[in-house]
């Protein structure tokens, strides 16, 4: 049985078919590496939603932005992570699968739809690597604040091909 989201191309081909642009890979804003290879795994530091002009999306979900805008910001974080992967590894094809996603949502105390917001990133990864390899384990949590008042920060562990 074939899944409707199954892709036959490489991750690079699948991404190109989406018609989306990658923002510039962000530079570290502290003492850390954007990504680090350990054995057959690639750990990506927490990323925020970088736009194509290098600026950040800002605002708190449930206040300055609604749930759909938060989900869109999470997709932009996913694009930012893809940009880091390309800049650090040279190709999305060097990633075999998504292992773990930790999504943090800057939101009001009464906001409860954190998983929905983080789906913006998870759905992107499923389109790039297919459902089997693009969906890993995940946590989606709310935060009282995030650096620079960004709405979403996401870190990921990938398995290398």
Protein backbone atom coordinates (compact mmCIF):
# COMPACT_ATOMS: atom_id res chain seq x y z
CA UNK A 1 0.00 0.00 0.00
CA UNK A 2 1.43 3.37 -1.02
CA UNK A 3 1.13 6.39 1.21
CA UNK A 4 -0.17 9.57 -0.42
CA UNK A 5 2.85 11.43 0.98
CA UNK A 6 5.46 8.91 -0.15
CA UNK A 7 8.15 10.39 -2.35
CA UNK A 8 10.17 8.57 -4.93
CA UNK A 9 12.89 11.19 -5.29
CA UNK A 10 15.88 12.05 -3.19
CA UNK A 11 15.44 14.51 -0.30
CA UNK A 12 16.98 17.24 -2.50
CA UNK A 13 14.54 16.46 -5.33
CA UNK A 14 11.60 16.33 -2.93
CA UNK A 15 12.53 19.70 -1.46
CA UNK A 16 12.94 21.28 -4.89
CA UNK A 17 9.47 20.01 -5.88
CA UNK A 18 7.96 21.95 -2.96
CA UNK A 19 9.00 25.25 -4.57
CA UNK A 20 10.13 26.72 -1.24
CA UNK A 21 13.18 28.92 -0.66
CA UNK A 22 15.77 28.38 2.05
CA UNK A 23 16.73 31.34 4.22
CA UNK A 24 20.41 31.95 4.97
CA UNK A 25 21.88 29.54 7.51
CA UNK A 26 22.00 31.42 10.83
CA UNK A 27 25.25 32.16 12.61
CA UNK A 28 25.46 31.08 16.27
CA UNK A 29 24.26 33.77 18.69
CA UNK A 30 26.28 32.32 21.55
CA UNK A 31 28.98 29.78 22.31
CA UNK A 32 27.74 26.69 20.44
CA UNK A 33 27.85 24.95 17.05
CA UNK A 34 24.84 25.02 14.70
CA UNK A 35 25.23 21.28 14.18
CA UNK A 36 27.51 18.47 15.26
CA UNK A 37 28.14 15.01 13.84
CA UNK A 38 28.60 12.19 16.35
CA UNK A 39 29.00 8.74 14.81
CA UNK A 40 26.02 8.26 12.45
CA UNK A 41 23.97 11.06 13.95
CA UNK A 42 23.77 14.78 13.28
CA UNK A 43 22.58 16.99 16.15
CA UNK A 44 21.13 20.38 15.20
CA UNK A 45 21.12 23.14 17.83
CA UNK A 46 17.93 25.04 18.54
CA UNK A 47 16.92 27.15 15.55
CA UNK A 48 14.48 30.04 15.21
CA UNK A 49 12.41 31.20 12.22
CA UNK A 50 14.87 33.02 9.92
CA UNK A 51 13.32 34.75 6.91
CA UNK A 52 14.94 34.98 3.48
CA UNK A 53 16.29 38.46 4.28
CA UNK A 54 18.01 37.10 7.42
CA UNK A 55 15.55 38.70 9.86
CA UNK A 56 13.60 36.69 12.44
CA UNK A 57 9.87 36.19 12.85
CA UNK A 58 8.97 37.51 16.31
CA UNK A 59 5.89 37.36 18.53
CA UNK A 60 4.16 35.21 21.10
CA UNK A 61 1.58 32.63 19.99
CA UNK A 62 -1.78 33.38 21.56
CA UNK A 63 -0.94 37.08 21.77
CA UNK A 64 0.87 38.75 18.83
CA UNK A 65 0.14 35.80 16.54
CA UNK A 66 -2.49 33.12 16.20
CA UNK A 67 -2.07 29.36 16.01
CA UNK A 68 -1.85 29.30 12.18
CA UNK A 69 0.84 32.00 12.20
CA UNK A 70 2.70 29.95 14.81
CA UNK A 71 2.48 26.87 12.59
CA UNK A 72 3.82 28.90 9.66
CA UNK A 73 6.69 30.11 11.87
CA UNK A 74 7.46 26.47 12.77
CA UNK A 75 7.64 25.63 9.06
CA UNK A 76 10.07 28.54 8.65
CA UNK A 77 12.18 27.07 11.46
CA UNK A 78 12.18 23.79 9.52
CA UNK A 79 13.42 25.64 6.43
CA UNK A 80 16.12 27.29 8.55
CA UNK A 81 17.23 23.86 9.80
CA UNK A 82 17.35 22.57 6.21
CA UNK A 83 19.53 25.56 5.33
CA UNK A 84 21.94 24.67 8.15
CA UNK A 85 22.03 21.03 6.98
CA UNK A 86 22.88 22.11 3.43
CA UNK A 87 25.52 24.55 4.60
CA UNK A 88 27.13 22.11 7.07
CA UNK A 89 26.75 18.82 5.18
CA UNK A 90 26.50 19.97 1.55
CA UNK A 91 23.25 18.14 0.76
CA UNK A 92 19.97 17.03 2.33
CA UNK A 93 20.69 13.64 0.74
CA UNK A 94 23.27 13.01 3.48
CA UNK A 95 20.41 12.68 5.99
CA UNK A 96 18.75 9.27 6.20
CA UNK A 97 16.00 10.03 8.68
CA UNK A 98 14.61 12.28 11.39
CA UNK A 99 15.17 10.72 14.82
CA UNK A 100 13.94 13.31 17.36
CA UNK A 101 12.35 16.77 17.20
CA UNK A 102 12.04 19.06 20.21
CA UNK A 103 9.73 21.98 19.47
CA UNK A 104 9.38 24.89 21.88
CA UNK A 105 6.54 27.40 21.47
CA UNK A 106 6.71 30.90 22.97
CA UNK A 107 3.08 31.24 23.99
CA UNK A 108 0.61 32.61 26.47
CA UNK A 109 -0.06 30.55 29.61
CA UNK A 110 -3.50 29.47 28.36
CA UNK A 111 -2.30 28.24 24.94
CA UNK A 112 -2.54 24.44 24.67
CA UNK A 113 -2.01 23.55 21.00
CA UNK A 114 1.79 23.24 21.00
CA UNK A 115 1.77 20.01 18.91
CA UNK A 116 -0.33 21.70 16.22
CA UNK A 117 2.18 24.54 15.94
CA UNK A 118 5.19 22.21 15.71
CA UNK A 119 3.42 20.26 12.95
CA UNK A 120 4.55 23.10 10.66
CA UNK A 121 8.09 21.74 10.89
CA UNK A 122 7.19 18.05 11.11
CA UNK A 123 4.99 18.20 7.99
CA UNK A 124 7.86 19.82 6.05
CA UNK A 125 10.27 17.08 7.08
CA UNK A 126 7.72 14.40 6.09
CA UNK A 127 7.55 15.97 2.62
CA UNK A 128 11.34 16.06 2.27
CA UNK A 129 12.19 12.58 3.58
CA UNK A 130 8.81 10.83 3.17
CA UNK A 131 6.60 9.65 6.02
CA UNK A 132 8.77 6.65 6.92
CA UNK A 133 12.01 8.60 7.34
CA UNK A 134 10.74 12.14 7.81
CA UNK A 135 8.67 11.53 10.94
CA UNK A 136 10.52 10.70 14.13
CA UNK A 137 9.76 10.94 17.82
CA UNK A 138 8.86 14.40 19.07
CA UNK A 139 8.13 16.66 21.99
CA UNK A 140 6.20 19.93 21.68
CA UNK A 141 6.19 22.18 24.72
CA UNK A 142 5.19 25.71 25.70
CA UNK A 143 7.67 28.26 26.98
CA UNK A 144 7.17 31.54 28.82
CA UNK A 145 9.70 33.19 26.53
CA UNK A 146 12.25 32.38 23.84
CA UNK A 147 15.37 34.31 22.72
CA UNK A 148 14.55 37.56 20.92
CA UNK A 149 10.83 36.87 21.40
CA UNK A 150 10.81 34.34 18.54
CA UNK A 151 7.59 32.29 18.47
CA UNK A 152 9.21 28.88 17.92
CA UNK A 153 12.57 27.21 18.54
CA UNK A 154 13.27 23.68 17.32
CA UNK A 155 16.20 21.30 17.73
CA UNK A 156 16.55 18.00 15.86
CA UNK A 157 18.57 14.80 15.86
CA UNK A 158 19.04 13.17 12.44
CA UNK A 159 20.52 9.85 11.35
CA UNK A 160 23.09 10.21 8.59
CA UNK A 161 22.83 8.19 5.38
